[in-house]
């Protein structure tokens, strides 16, 4: 039970740090004086890397480090990162850096900038490491824990109280009332340091499983092996390693092979991505024993098929990149809009992170509601319905945001504050609540769709891959699908750049100006709504295509499978849509 508690404190520290860094956009625009596009680019790259890096980290965990070492490194990175973030604020090192100690752009020197960017890199690394290993490491402690059920329930209730009630109150309501940014960043830094110390102090009592090797190595081996045989021509005498029983009559013999056949796992090959089949091709210039000694030049058909399955998932994943682009505007442009609006309810000034609480509540509720709905439906269509629902929410979110922004701009013009970016707009911040609720529904359903990995048998997007996901690669399903959303966050930077360049053609003003009042974010939101609509159409086509492809593959994998006599096409195209 003590081990679980020491692991749980890392989750609590991450939640508090998440609330502190969620308002990074306002810090960059108010204190650093950055324009909205540059500040949004920094935030989106920071968040995007948190989702993308776990792919590489999962490989390191499985191949070299193990979950404990990854948690140790990532926790230390979070600890130092949050500390450097607090130190990067102007008052902390003003005496040593030689600049003023006020929260103004002219007080941000090179020292503060260097500390800030190093801090973001460390925090991104730390959070990515926790995403990769925290859940798995916690499950390892549960498996061998002999704590009575009553105490386990107590720990679970205590963890839920901290994560669901206390931390949102502290991070979303109490923390924003602290005006000095050094203190606002410093409190999560102290909590992260304490959590890291508690985690390290329990090291002798933890159960850690040694690395067993990464399934991504198989993917790399297939690509390397197929590339190494690029110039080999296929003919009828070639055999595939691991396909049926390989006859050795056409392969040079060595004394170690006393019979004419070697029994291998029988896995029939599929018709797509035929160029990768060369990885399993046995070349006649070497003995089978010689080729088996180099695992990077000869792979089994099973390994080739696992790689093909992994690649065939990419088009379905890619349709959610646009959802990531829409999700990225929640902590950037939406937040900047709220920062310039009236935040008072009566005489009480409401903190900005209250919008994040609305978002998180809707995110959790929409995921639970989706689970209840799809349990009443056929699992075959549940993922498609969820995908359509998520993309519809992204469209509705953009339309709602465009309508609200149009009203905000009209309010600015009617009050004559277009050239007064620091003036508060006499329009309530709670006009933004509907779009945050829609964004929460998008993130909730998308997160469940992309994150379900319950034995690859749940109702998420994994339904498209039931019976097709290699068991060895199931652990990578979550990190790879999170990386899709991360690609959307990073891609939003590109989308803003492209839209800005296109709209300023012909001497026209760009939709993205230095200040929010002069920008036309409503037009950008309409553009995202159109792109999301196109993405919905493409997503449906990909789902139909994938189901058709898998139906064809299932016909090949029937017990009555017979090897095709059709000669191998050496010029076959290599893409996920080829058949």
Protein backbone atom coordinates (compact mmCIF):
# COMPACT_ATOMS: atom_id res chain seq x y z
CA UNK A 1 0.00 0.00 0.00
CA UNK A 2 2.89 2.37 0.80
CA UNK A 3 4.41 1.70 -2.61
CA UNK A 4 1.13 2.61 -4.30
CA UNK A 5 0.93 5.84 -2.34
CA UNK A 6 4.45 6.85 -3.37
CA UNK A 7 3.61 6.24 -6.99
CA UNK A 8 0.26 8.07 -6.67
CA UNK A 9 1.92 11.27 -5.43
CA UNK A 10 3.57 11.60 -8.85
CA UNK A 11 0.10 11.70 -10.41
CA UNK A 12 -1.02 14.38 -7.97
CA UNK A 13 2.07 16.48 -8.69
CA UNK A 14 1.45 16.14 -12.45
CA UNK A 15 -2.13 17.36 -12.07
CA UNK A 16 -1.04 20.42 -10.11
CA UNK A 17 1.76 21.17 -12.58
CA UNK A 18 -0.74 20.78 -15.41
CA UNK A 19 -2.99 23.48 -13.96
CA UNK A 20 0.03 25.78 -13.52
CA UNK A 21 1.32 25.34 -17.08
CA UNK A 22 -2.16 25.48 -18.67
CA UNK A 23 -2.10 29.29 -18.42
CA UNK A 24 1.32 29.50 -20.11
CA UNK A 25 -0.28 31.38 -23.03
CA UNK A 26 -1.25 34.32 -20.84
CA UNK A 27 2.19 34.36 -19.21
CA UNK A 28 3.89 34.65 -22.60
CA UNK A 29 1.57 37.37 -23.89
CA UNK A 30 1.27 39.42 -20.68
CA UNK A 31 4.78 39.12 -19.22
CA UNK A 32 6.95 38.35 -22.24
CA UNK A 33 4.91 40.55 -24.58
CA UNK A 34 4.84 37.98 -27.39
CA UNK A 35 2.27 38.18 -30.16
CA UNK A 36 -0.48 35.57 -30.02
CA UNK A 37 0.80 33.37 -32.85
CA UNK A 38 4.32 33.02 -31.44
CA UNK A 39 3.03 32.37 -27.93
CA UNK A 40 0.56 29.78 -29.24
CA UNK A 41 3.35 28.11 -31.24
CA UNK A 42 5.50 27.72 -28.10
CA UNK A 43 2.61 26.25 -26.10
CA UNK A 44 1.47 23.87 -28.85
CA UNK A 45 4.96 22.54 -29.54
CA UNK A 46 5.44 22.07 -25.79
CA UNK A 47 2.18 20.11 -25.45
CA UNK A 48 2.65 18.25 -28.73
CA UNK A 49 6.06 16.94 -27.70
CA UNK A 50 4.54 15.60 -24.48
CA UNK A 51 2.33 13.32 -26.60
CA UNK A 52 4.87 12.44 -29.30
CA UNK A 53 7.93 11.59 -27.20
CA UNK A 54 6.33 8.58 -25.42
CA UNK A 55 6.72 6.60 -28.66
CA UNK A 56 10.50 6.74 -28.39
CA UNK A 57 10.40 6.44 -24.62
CA UNK A 58 8.30 3.28 -24.79
CA UNK A 59 10.98 1.76 -27.01
CA UNK A 60 13.68 2.69 -24.48
CA UNK A 61 11.60 1.29 -21.61
CA UNK A 62 10.99 -2.05 -23.31
CA UNK A 63 14.49 -2.42 -24.71
CA UNK A 64 16.84 -0.92 -22.12
CA UNK A 65 15.56 1.04 -19.11
CA UNK A 66 12.46 -0.54 -17.63
CA UNK A 67 9.61 1.41 -16.04
CA UNK A 68 11.31 2.27 -12.76
CA UNK A 69 14.36 3.89 -14.36
CA UNK A 70 12.16 5.82 -16.78
CA UNK A 71 10.01 7.09 -13.89
CA UNK A 72 13.11 8.05 -11.95
CA UNK A 73 14.59 10.04 -14.85
CA UNK A 74 11.28 11.66 -15.81
CA UNK A 75 10.46 12.59 -12.20
CA UNK A 76 13.84 14.24 -11.78
CA UNK A 77 13.30 16.05 -15.09
CA UNK A 78 9.92 17.34 -13.89
CA UNK A 79 11.45 18.41 -10.60
CA UNK A 80 14.28 20.39 -12.21
CA UNK A 81 12.01 21.67 -14.99
CA UNK A 82 9.39 23.15 -12.69
CA UNK A 83 12.15 24.65 -10.52
CA UNK A 84 13.82 26.27 -13.53
CA UNK A 85 10.45 27.54 -14.72
CA UNK A 86 9.95 29.35 -11.41
CA UNK A 87 13.53 30.67 -11.57
CA UNK A 88 12.98 31.99 -15.11
CA UNK A 89 10.50 34.61 -13.87
CA UNK A 90 12.05 38.13 -13.69
CA UNK A 91 12.21 38.70 -9.90
CA UNK A 92 14.11 35.52 -8.99
CA UNK A 93 17.48 36.11 -10.68
CA UNK A 94 17.21 39.81 -11.46
CA UNK A 95 20.24 40.69 -9.30
CA UNK A 96 22.49 38.13 -10.96
CA UNK A 97 21.14 38.57 -14.49
CA UNK A 98 21.35 42.36 -14.38
CA UNK A 99 17.77 43.09 -15.41
CA UNK A 100 14.73 44.54 -13.63
CA UNK A 101 12.48 42.48 -11.41
CA UNK A 102 9.08 43.53 -12.77
CA UNK A 103 6.77 41.34 -14.82
CA UNK A 104 7.33 43.33 -18.00
CA UNK A 105 8.78 42.37 -21.42
CA UNK A 106 11.88 44.56 -20.93
CA UNK A 107 12.73 42.57 -17.79
CA UNK A 108 13.00 39.29 -19.69
CA UNK A 109 16.70 38.88 -20.41
CA UNK A 110 18.71 36.15 -22.12
CA UNK A 111 19.16 34.31 -18.81
CA UNK A 112 15.41 34.12 -18.23
CA UNK A 113 14.81 32.98 -21.81
CA UNK A 114 17.42 30.24 -21.59
CA UNK A 115 16.06 28.97 -18.27
CA UNK A 116 12.51 29.07 -19.61
CA UNK A 117 13.18 27.01 -22.72
CA UNK A 118 15.31 24.49 -20.81
CA UNK A 119 12.50 24.21 -18.26
CA UNK A 120 9.90 23.50 -20.95
CA UNK A 121 12.12 20.81 -22.47
CA UNK A 122 12.62 19.12 -19.09
CA UNK A 123 8.94 19.33 -18.17
CA UNK A 124 7.92 17.89 -21.55
CA UNK A 125 10.39 15.03 -21.07
CA UNK A 126 9.18 14.41 -17.53
CA UNK A 127 5.48 14.36 -18.39
CA UNK A 128 6.16 12.12 -21.40
CA UNK A 129 8.04 9.69 -19.17
CA UNK A 130 5.14 9.61 -16.73
CA UNK A 131 2.70 8.99 -19.59
CA UNK A 132 4.86 6.08 -20.69
CA UNK A 133 5.55 4.29 -17.42
CA UNK A 134 3.41 5.58 -14.56
CA UNK A 135 0.36 3.41 -15.19
CA UNK A 136 2.33 0.27 -16.04
CA UNK A 137 4.63 0.65 -13.06
CA UNK A 138 1.65 1.19 -10.76
CA UNK A 139 0.06 -2.00 -12.08
CA UNK A 140 3.26 -3.90 -11.36
CA UNK A 141 3.02 -2.87 -7.72
CA UNK A 142 -0.63 -3.95 -7.56
CA UNK A 143 0.08 -7.43 -8.92
CA UNK A 144 2.35 -8.40 -6.03
CA UNK A 145 0.70 -6.29 -3.34
CA UNK A 146 -0.74 -8.32 -0.44
CA UNK A 147 -2.49 -5.39 1.23
CA UNK A 148 -5.99 -6.23 2.59
CA UNK A 149 -8.87 -5.09 0.40
CA UNK A 150 -10.10 -2.62 3.00
CA UNK A 151 -6.81 -0.72 2.97
CA UNK A 152 -6.69 -0.86 -0.83
CA UNK A 153 -10.13 0.74 -1.00
CA UNK A 154 -8.98 3.43 1.43
CA UNK A 155 -5.98 4.28 -0.77
CA UNK A 156 -8.19 4.33 -3.84
CA UNK A 157 -10.70 6.68 -2.20
CA UNK A 158 -7.92 8.91 -0.92
CA UNK A 159 -6.34 9.07 -4.38
CA UNK A 160 -9.71 9.90 -5.92
CA UNK A 161 -10.35 12.66 -3.38
CA UNK A 162 -6.99 14.28 -4.12
CA UNK A 163 -7.18 13.89 -7.90
CA UNK A 164 -10.86 14.74 -8.45
CA UNK A 165 -11.69 17.24 -5.69
CA UNK A 166 -8.75 18.75 -3.83
CA UNK A 167 -6.24 19.28 -6.66
CA UNK A 168 -8.72 20.99 -9.04
CA UNK A 169 -9.70 23.32 -6.19
CA UNK A 170 -6.07 24.16 -5.43
CA UNK A 171 -4.81 24.24 -9.02
CA UNK A 172 -7.86 25.65 -10.74
CA UNK A 173 -9.21 28.08 -8.15
CA UNK A 174 -6.69 28.87 -5.38
CA UNK A 175 -3.43 28.94 -7.36
CA UNK A 176 -4.57 31.53 -9.98
CA UNK A 177 -5.34 34.04 -7.22
CA UNK A 178 -1.60 34.23 -6.52
CA UNK A 179 -0.38 37.15 -8.59
CA UNK A 180 3.42 36.68 -8.62
CA UNK A 181 4.23 34.19 -11.37
CA UNK A 182 7.34 33.08 -9.49
CA UNK A 183 5.12 31.85 -6.62
CA UNK A 184 2.49 30.46 -8.97
CA UNK A 185 5.14 28.31 -10.66
CA UNK A 186 7.06 27.80 -7.44
CA UNK A 187 4.31 26.01 -5.52
CA UNK A 188 3.95 23.21 -8.14
CA UNK A 189 7.76 23.03 -8.25
CA UNK A 190 7.89 22.41 -4.49
CA UNK A 191 5.11 19.81 -4.72
CA UNK A 192 6.87 18.06 -7.60
CA UNK A 193 10.12 18.00 -5.61
CA UNK A 194 8.38 16.48 -2.59
CA UNK A 195 6.62 13.91 -4.78
CA UNK A 196 9.92 12.96 -6.43
CA UNK A 197 11.60 12.60 -3.04
CA UNK A 198 8.77 10.37 -1.77
CA UNK A 199 8.96 8.25 -4.90
CA UNK A 200 12.73 7.79 -4.63
CA UNK A 201 12.51 6.98 -0.92
CA UNK A 202 10.41 3.93 -1.72
CA UNK A 203 12.84 2.50 -4.27
CA UNK A 204 13.84 -0.58 -2.19
CA UNK A 205 10.20 -1.69 -1.88
CA UNK A 206 9.26 -1.44 -5.56
CA UNK A 207 8.80 -4.37 -7.90
CA UNK A 208 10.32 -3.71 -11.30
CA UNK A 209 10.23 -6.02 -14.31
CA UNK A 210 13.41 -6.13 -16.33
CA UNK A 211 13.20 -5.01 -20.00
CA UNK A 212 12.15 -7.84 -22.30
CA UNK A 213 12.85 -6.17 -25.63
CA UNK A 214 10.77 -3.79 -27.71
CA UNK A 215 8.28 -4.89 -30.39
CA UNK A 216 9.33 -1.86 -32.42
CA UNK A 217 12.62 -3.66 -33.00
CA UNK A 218 10.65 -6.13 -35.13
CA UNK A 219 9.33 -3.27 -37.26
CA UNK A 220 12.85 -1.89 -37.75
CA UNK A 221 14.19 -5.36 -38.60
CA UNK A 222 11.54 -5.89 -41.28
CA UNK A 223 12.36 -2.57 -42.94
CA UNK A 224 16.10 -3.20 -42.79
CA UNK A 225 15.78 -6.77 -44.07
CA UNK A 226 13.47 -5.81 -46.95
CA UNK A 227 15.75 -2.90 -47.90
CA UNK A 228 18.82 -5.17 -47.88
CA UNK A 229 17.13 -7.40 -50.50
CA UNK A 230 15.92 -4.54 -52.64
CA UNK A 231 17.86 -5.70 -55.69
CA UNK A 232 16.97 -9.38 -55.41
CA UNK A 233 14.52 -10.50 -58.06
CA UNK A 234 11.69 -12.80 -57.05
CA UNK A 235 11.14 -16.09 -58.84
CA UNK A 236 9.10 -19.24 -58.30
CA UNK A 237 11.94 -21.01 -56.43
CA UNK A 238 12.12 -18.48 -53.61
CA UNK A 239 10.74 -19.49 -50.24
CA UNK A 240 9.44 -17.26 -47.43
CA UNK A 241 10.92 -17.96 -44.01
CA UNK A 242 8.17 -19.08 -41.67
CA UNK A 243 5.53 -19.63 -44.36
CA UNK A 244 4.39 -23.29 -44.16
CA UNK A 245 7.27 -25.76 -44.11
CA UNK A 246 10.28 -24.41 -45.90
CA UNK A 247 11.72 -26.90 -48.33
CA UNK A 248 15.49 -26.95 -48.15
CA UNK A 249 15.96 -28.55 -51.57
CA UNK A 250 16.39 -25.13 -53.14
CA UNK A 251 18.56 -23.85 -50.30
CA UNK A 252 22.26 -24.77 -49.95
CA UNK A 253 22.60 -27.42 -47.24
CA UNK A 254 24.92 -27.70 -44.29
CA UNK A 255 25.57 -30.82 -42.20
CA UNK A 256 23.43 -29.38 -39.39
CA UNK A 257 20.28 -29.91 -41.50
CA UNK A 258 19.72 -33.63 -41.69
CA UNK A 259 16.20 -33.50 -43.14
CA UNK A 260 14.77 -31.67 -46.09
CA UNK A 261 12.25 -29.55 -44.22
CA UNK A 262 12.27 -27.22 -41.24
CA UNK A 263 9.03 -26.77 -39.29
CA UNK A 264 8.21 -23.10 -38.77
CA UNK A 265 5.18 -21.14 -37.69
CA UNK A 266 2.60 -21.18 -40.45
CA UNK A 267 1.20 -17.69 -41.05
CA UNK A 268 -0.14 -16.93 -44.54
CA UNK A 269 0.97 -13.71 -46.12
CA UNK A 270 -1.45 -10.92 -46.99
CA UNK A 271 -1.65 -9.18 -50.37
CA UNK A 272 -0.91 -5.61 -49.22
CA UNK A 273 2.53 -4.07 -48.77
CA UNK A 274 4.10 -6.87 -50.81
CA UNK A 275 7.45 -5.07 -50.92
CA UNK A 276 7.97 -5.94 -47.25
CA UNK A 277 7.67 -9.68 -48.00
CA UNK A 278 11.29 -9.64 -49.15
CA UNK A 279 12.28 -9.41 -45.49
CA UNK A 280 11.19 -13.08 -45.19
CA UNK A 281 12.70 -14.15 -48.51
CA UNK A 282 15.35 -16.87 -48.29
CA UNK A 283 18.09 -16.07 -50.78
CA UNK A 284 19.77 -19.00 -52.55
CA UNK A 285 23.30 -17.61 -52.23
CA UNK A 286 23.61 -18.52 -48.54
CA UNK A 287 22.61 -21.44 -46.39
CA UNK A 288 19.55 -21.11 -44.20
CA UNK A 289 21.70 -21.45 -41.09
CA UNK A 290 23.88 -18.54 -42.21
CA UNK A 291 20.85 -16.35 -42.88
CA UNK A 292 19.27 -17.24 -39.54
CA UNK A 293 22.33 -15.95 -37.72
CA UNK A 294 21.63 -12.39 -38.86
CA UNK A 295 18.19 -11.38 -37.55
CA UNK A 296 18.42 -8.05 -39.39
CA UNK A 297 18.47 -9.73 -42.80
CA UNK A 298 15.89 -12.50 -42.38
CA UNK A 299 12.50 -12.20 -40.66
CA UNK A 300 9.65 -14.64 -40.27
CA UNK A 301 6.42 -14.14 -42.17
CA UNK A 302 4.74 -13.61 -38.79
CA UNK A 303 7.02 -10.64 -38.09
CA UNK A 304 6.40 -9.23 -41.57
CA UNK A 305 2.63 -9.53 -41.09
CA UNK A 306 2.84 -7.81 -37.69
CA UNK A 307 4.67 -4.92 -39.33
CA UNK A 308 2.07 -4.74 -42.09
CA UNK A 309 -0.71 -4.60 -39.51
CA UNK A 310 1.05 -1.77 -37.71
CA UNK A 311 1.36 0.18 -40.96
CA UNK A 312 -2.25 -0.45 -41.96
CA UNK A 313 -3.34 1.31 -38.76
CA UNK A 314 -1.68 4.58 -39.81
CA UNK A 315 -4.48 5.89 -42.12
CA UNK A 316 -7.07 5.42 -39.38
CA UNK A 317 -4.83 7.13 -36.86
CA UNK A 318 -4.13 10.00 -39.26
CA UNK A 319 -7.79 11.01 -39.41
CA UNK A 320 -7.53 12.13 -35.77
CA UNK A 321 -4.70 14.60 -36.45
CA UNK A 322 -7.30 17.23 -37.32
CA UNK A 323 -8.99 16.61 -33.96
CA UNK A 324 -5.64 17.38 -32.33
CA UNK A 325 -5.44 20.65 -34.28
CA UNK A 326 -8.86 21.68 -32.98
CA UNK A 327 -8.01 20.57 -29.44
CA UNK A 328 -4.86 22.71 -29.48
CA UNK A 329 -6.79 26.00 -29.62
CA UNK A 330 -8.31 25.36 -26.19
CA UNK A 331 -5.17 26.30 -24.23
CA UNK A 332 -4.04 29.00 -26.66
CA UNK A 333 -6.50 31.18 -28.57
CA UNK A 334 -9.55 30.32 -26.46
CA UNK A 335 -7.56 31.11 -23.33
CA UNK A 336 -6.26 34.38 -24.73
CA UNK A 337 -9.82 35.41 -25.59
CA UNK A 338 -10.93 34.68 -22.03
CA UNK A 339 -8.00 36.66 -20.65
CA UNK A 340 -9.30 39.80 -22.38
CA UNK A 341 -12.94 39.38 -21.38
CA UNK A 342 -14.90 40.22 -18.25
CA UNK A 343 -14.15 37.51 -15.66
CA UNK A 344 -16.32 38.84 -12.85
CA UNK A 345 -19.44 37.23 -11.44
CA UNK A 346 -20.85 40.02 -9.35
CA UNK A 347 -17.84 41.28 -7.39
CA UNK A 348 -15.97 37.98 -7.53
CA UNK A 349 -13.24 37.63 -10.16
CA UNK A 350 -13.29 34.10 -11.56
CA UNK A 351 -9.87 32.55 -12.37
CA UNK A 352 -9.15 31.39 -15.92
CA UNK A 353 -8.56 27.69 -15.05
CA UNK A 354 -12.25 27.41 -14.18
CA UNK A 355 -12.68 26.89 -17.92
CA UNK A 356 -10.29 23.94 -17.72
CA UNK A 357 -12.43 22.45 -14.95
CA UNK A 358 -15.52 22.75 -17.19
CA UNK A 359 -13.52 21.09 -19.96
CA UNK A 360 -12.29 18.24 -17.75
CA UNK A 361 -15.72 17.52 -16.28
CA UNK A 362 -17.24 17.31 -19.76
CA UNK A 363 -14.33 15.21 -20.97
CA UNK A 364 -14.88 12.64 -18.23
CA UNK A 365 -18.68 12.67 -18.57
CA UNK A 366 -18.64 12.30 -22.37
CA UNK A 367 -16.28 9.33 -22.21
CA UNK A 368 -18.51 7.59 -19.65
CA UNK A 369 -21.64 8.35 -21.66
CA UNK A 370 -19.99 7.02 -24.83
CA UNK A 371 -19.12 3.77 -23.04
CA UNK A 372 -22.75 3.30 -21.96
CA UNK A 373 -24.05 4.01 -25.46
CA UNK A 374 -21.69 1.71 -27.34
CA UNK A 375 -22.36 -1.17 -24.95
CA UNK A 376 -25.87 -1.17 -26.36
CA UNK A 377 -24.56 -1.25 -29.91
CA UNK A 378 -22.67 -3.77 -31.96
CA UNK A 379 -18.94 -3.54 -31.35
CA UNK A 380 -18.40 -3.60 -35.10
CA UNK A 381 -19.96 -0.16 -35.55
CA UNK A 382 -19.15 1.38 -32.17
CA UNK A 383 -15.75 2.73 -33.22
CA UNK A 384 -17.18 4.24 -36.41
CA UNK A 385 -19.98 5.91 -34.45
CA UNK A 386 -17.49 7.24 -31.91
CA UNK A 387 -15.20 8.55 -34.63
CA UNK A 388 -18.09 10.37 -36.33
CA UNK A 389 -19.24 11.78 -32.97
CA UNK A 390 -15.75 13.06 -32.10
CA UNK A 391 -15.34 14.74 -35.47
CA UNK A 392 -18.83 16.24 -35.29
CA UNK A 393 -17.96 17.72 -31.90
CA UNK A 394 -14.81 19.23 -33.44
CA UNK A 395 -16.92 20.83 -36.18
CA UNK A 396 -19.51 22.15 -33.72
CA UNK A 397 -16.75 23.48 -31.46
CA UNK A 398 -15.20 25.47 -34.31
CA UNK A 399 -18.58 26.83 -35.45
CA UNK A 400 -19.50 27.87 -31.92
CA UNK A 401 -16.09 29.48 -31.39
CA UNK A 402 -16.43 31.40 -34.67
CA UNK A 403 -19.86 32.73 -33.70
CA UNK A 404 -18.67 33.82 -30.24
CA UNK A 405 -15.54 35.46 -31.67
CA UNK A 406 -17.64 37.39 -34.21
CA UNK A 407 -19.74 38.72 -31.34
CA UNK A 408 -16.58 39.60 -29.40
CA UNK A 409 -15.16 41.55 -32.34
CA UNK A 410 -18.44 43.42 -32.79
CA UNK A 411 -18.34 44.30 -29.09
CA UNK A 412 -14.78 45.62 -29.49
CA UNK A 413 -15.73 47.81 -32.43
CA UNK A 414 -18.88 49.14 -30.78
CA UNK A 415 -16.90 50.22 -27.68
CA UNK A 416 -14.00 51.69 -29.67
CA UNK A 417 -11.26 49.63 -28.04
CA UNK A 418 -9.80 48.09 -31.22
CA UNK A 419 -6.46 49.82 -30.58
CA UNK A 420 -6.53 49.21 -26.84
CA UNK A 421 -5.41 45.57 -26.42
CA UNK A 422 -5.07 45.88 -22.63
CA UNK A 423 -8.65 47.04 -22.13
CA UNK A 424 -11.08 44.44 -20.82
CA UNK A 425 -13.98 43.74 -23.16
CA UNK A 426 -17.43 44.22 -21.58
CA UNK A 427 -18.41 40.68 -22.49
CA UNK A 428 -18.55 37.82 -20.01
CA UNK A 429 -15.90 35.12 -20.16
CA UNK A 430 -18.66 32.55 -19.75
CA UNK A 431 -19.64 33.07 -23.39
CA UNK A 432 -16.72 30.69 -24.02
CA UNK A 433 -18.13 27.90 -21.86
CA UNK A 434 -20.13 26.21 -24.69
CA UNK A 435 -17.06 25.84 -26.89
CA UNK A 436 -15.04 24.49 -23.95
CA UNK A 437 -17.82 21.97 -23.28
CA UNK A 438 -17.77 20.86 -26.92
CA UNK A 439 -13.98 20.70 -26.81
CA UNK A 440 -14.20 18.54 -23.69
CA UNK A 441 -16.62 16.18 -25.45
CA UNK A 442 -14.22 15.98 -28.39
CA UNK A 443 -11.25 15.21 -26.14
CA UNK A 444 -13.26 12.74 -24.04
CA UNK A 445 -14.51 10.62 -26.92
CA UNK A 446 -11.28 10.91 -28.91
CA UNK A 447 -9.22 10.04 -25.86
CA UNK A 448 -11.32 6.93 -25.27
CA UNK A 449 -11.25 5.97 -28.93
CA UNK A 450 -7.51 6.39 -29.20
CA UNK A 451 -6.64 5.17 -25.73
CA UNK A 452 -8.61 1.95 -25.38
CA UNK A 453 -6.27 -1.01 -25.11
CA UNK A 454 -8.27 -3.40 -22.94
CA UNK A 455 -7.00 -6.60 -24.53
CA UNK A 456 -7.75 -4.91 -27.86
CA UNK A 457 -11.38 -5.83 -27.29
CA UNK A 458 -13.05 -2.64 -26.08
CA UNK A 459 -15.29 -0.28 -27.97
CA UNK A 460 -12.69 2.25 -29.04
CA UNK A 461 -10.85 2.69 -32.30
CA UNK A 462 -9.17 -0.62 -31.47
CA UNK A 463 -12.41 -2.24 -32.69
CA UNK A 464 -11.07 -1.66 -36.18
CA UNK A 465 -8.10 -3.85 -35.32
CA UNK A 466 -9.74 -6.66 -33.31
CA UNK A 467 -7.96 -9.88 -34.16
CA UNK A 468 -5.42 -7.96 -36.26
CA UNK A 469 -3.32 -6.16 -33.66
CA UNK A 470 -0.22 -8.24 -32.89
CA UNK A 471 -0.24 -9.16 -29.21
CA UNK A 472 3.40 -8.10 -29.01
CA UNK A 473 2.52 -4.56 -30.16
CA UNK A 474 -0.58 -4.00 -28.03
CA UNK A 475 1.42 -2.00 -25.48
CA UNK A 476 2.32 0.52 -28.18
CA UNK A 477 -1.29 1.16 -29.17
CA UNK A 478 -1.79 3.81 -26.47
CA UNK A 479 1.47 5.72 -26.99
CA UNK A 480 1.13 5.72 -30.77
CA UNK A 481 -2.43 6.97 -30.68
CA UNK A 482 -1.49 9.70 -28.23
CA UNK A 483 1.25 10.70 -30.66
CA UNK A 484 -1.48 11.30 -33.26
CA UNK A 485 -3.00 14.00 -31.08
CA UNK A 486 0.47 15.39 -30.44
CA UNK A 487 1.02 15.63 -34.18
CA UNK A 488 -2.19 17.67 -34.34
CA UNK A 489 -0.87 20.12 -31.73
CA UNK A 490 2.38 20.58 -33.63
CA UNK A 491 0.48 20.69 -36.91
CA UNK A 492 -1.61 23.59 -35.62
CA UNK A 493 1.53 25.73 -35.71
CA UNK A 494 1.89 24.93 -39.41
CA UNK A 495 -1.81 25.57 -40.06
CA UNK A 496 -1.61 29.04 -38.48
CA UNK A 497 1.50 29.85 -40.51
CA UNK A 498 -0.05 28.71 -43.80
CA UNK A 499 -3.36 30.47 -43.17
CA UNK A 500 -1.52 33.65 -42.22
CA UNK A 501 0.59 33.60 -45.40
CA UNK A 502 -2.39 32.88 -47.64
CA UNK A 503 -4.62 35.58 -46.16
CA UNK A 504 -1.99 38.33 -46.46
CA UNK A 505 -1.63 37.88 -50.21
CA UNK A 506 -2.51 40.85 -52.37
CA UNK A 507 -1.60 43.32 -49.65
CA UNK A 508 -4.48 42.26 -47.43
CA UNK A 509 -3.99 42.16 -43.65
CA UNK A 510 -3.29 38.74 -42.21
CA UNK A 511 -5.90 37.13 -40.02
CA UNK A 512 -3.24 36.92 -37.30
CA UNK A 513 -2.07 40.30 -36.04
CA UNK A 514 0.11 41.28 -33.09
CA UNK A 515 -2.91 41.75 -30.85
CA UNK A 516 -6.02 39.66 -30.38
CA UNK A 517 -8.36 42.61 -31.07
CA UNK A 518 -7.02 43.16 -34.57
CA UNK A 519 -6.86 39.45 -35.47
CA UNK A 520 -9.68 37.62 -37.22
CA UNK A 521 -9.76 34.39 -35.27
CA UNK A 522 -13.39 33.91 -36.29
CA UNK A 523 -12.28 33.36 -39.90
CA UNK A 524 -9.63 30.91 -38.71
CA UNK A 525 -12.23 28.99 -36.72
CA UNK A 526 -14.46 28.80 -39.80
CA UNK A 527 -11.48 27.44 -41.73
CA UNK A 528 -10.95 24.75 -39.10
CA UNK A 529 -14.66 23.88 -39.29
CA UNK A 530 -14.37 23.35 -43.05
CA UNK A 531 -11.20 21.28 -42.68
CA UNK A 532 -12.83 19.23 -39.93
CA UNK A 533 -15.81 18.55 -42.19
CA UNK A 534 -13.50 17.33 -44.94
CA UNK A 535 -11.67 15.22 -42.37
CA UNK A 536 -14.96 13.64 -41.28
CA UNK A 537 -15.67 12.60 -44.87
CA UNK A 538 -12.17 11.18 -45.28
CA UNK A 539 -12.43 9.38 -41.94
CA UNK A 540 -15.59 7.58 -43.06
CA UNK A 541 -13.92 6.57 -46.33
CA UNK A 542 -10.87 5.24 -44.46
CA UNK A 543 -13.09 3.25 -42.09
CA UNK A 544 -14.96 1.71 -45.03
CA UNK A 545 -11.68 0.98 -46.82
CA UNK A 546 -10.16 -0.59 -43.73
CA UNK A 547 -13.16 -2.86 -43.16
CA UNK A 548 -12.99 -3.92 -46.83
CA UNK A 549 -9.26 -4.59 -46.57
CA UNK A 550 -9.67 -6.65 -43.40
CA UNK A 551 -12.52 -8.67 -44.96
CA UNK A 552 -10.20 -9.56 -47.84
CA UNK A 553 -7.43 -10.49 -45.43
CA UNK A 554 -9.75 -12.69 -43.36
CA UNK A 555 -10.60 -14.64 -46.52
CA UNK A 556 -6.90 -15.35 -46.97
CA UNK A 557 -6.50 -16.42 -43.35
CA UNK A 558 -9.20 -19.11 -43.54
CA UNK A 559 -8.18 -22.72 -42.73
CA UNK A 560 -8.47 -23.66 -46.40
CA UNK A 561 -5.68 -21.30 -47.37
CA UNK A 562 -3.72 -22.36 -50.42
CA UNK A 563 -0.53 -20.73 -51.55
CA UNK A 564 -1.07 -18.57 -54.60
CA UNK A 565 0.60 -19.53 -57.84
CA UNK A 566 0.58 -15.93 -59.02
CA UNK A 567 4.19 -14.77 -59.44
CA UNK A 568 5.47 -12.10 -57.10
CA UNK A 569 5.34 -8.60 -58.56
CA UNK A 570 8.70 -7.07 -57.81
CA UNK A 571 7.47 -3.64 -58.91
CA UNK A 572 4.51 -3.65 -56.54
CA UNK A 573 3.71 -0.28 -54.99
CA UNK A 574 4.44 0.07 -51.28
CA UNK A 575 1.65 1.99 -49.64
CA UNK A 576 -0.98 1.18 -47.08
CA UNK A 577 -3.72 1.29 -49.68
CA UNK A 578 -2.23 -1.19 -52.08
CA UNK A 579 -3.90 -4.56 -52.43
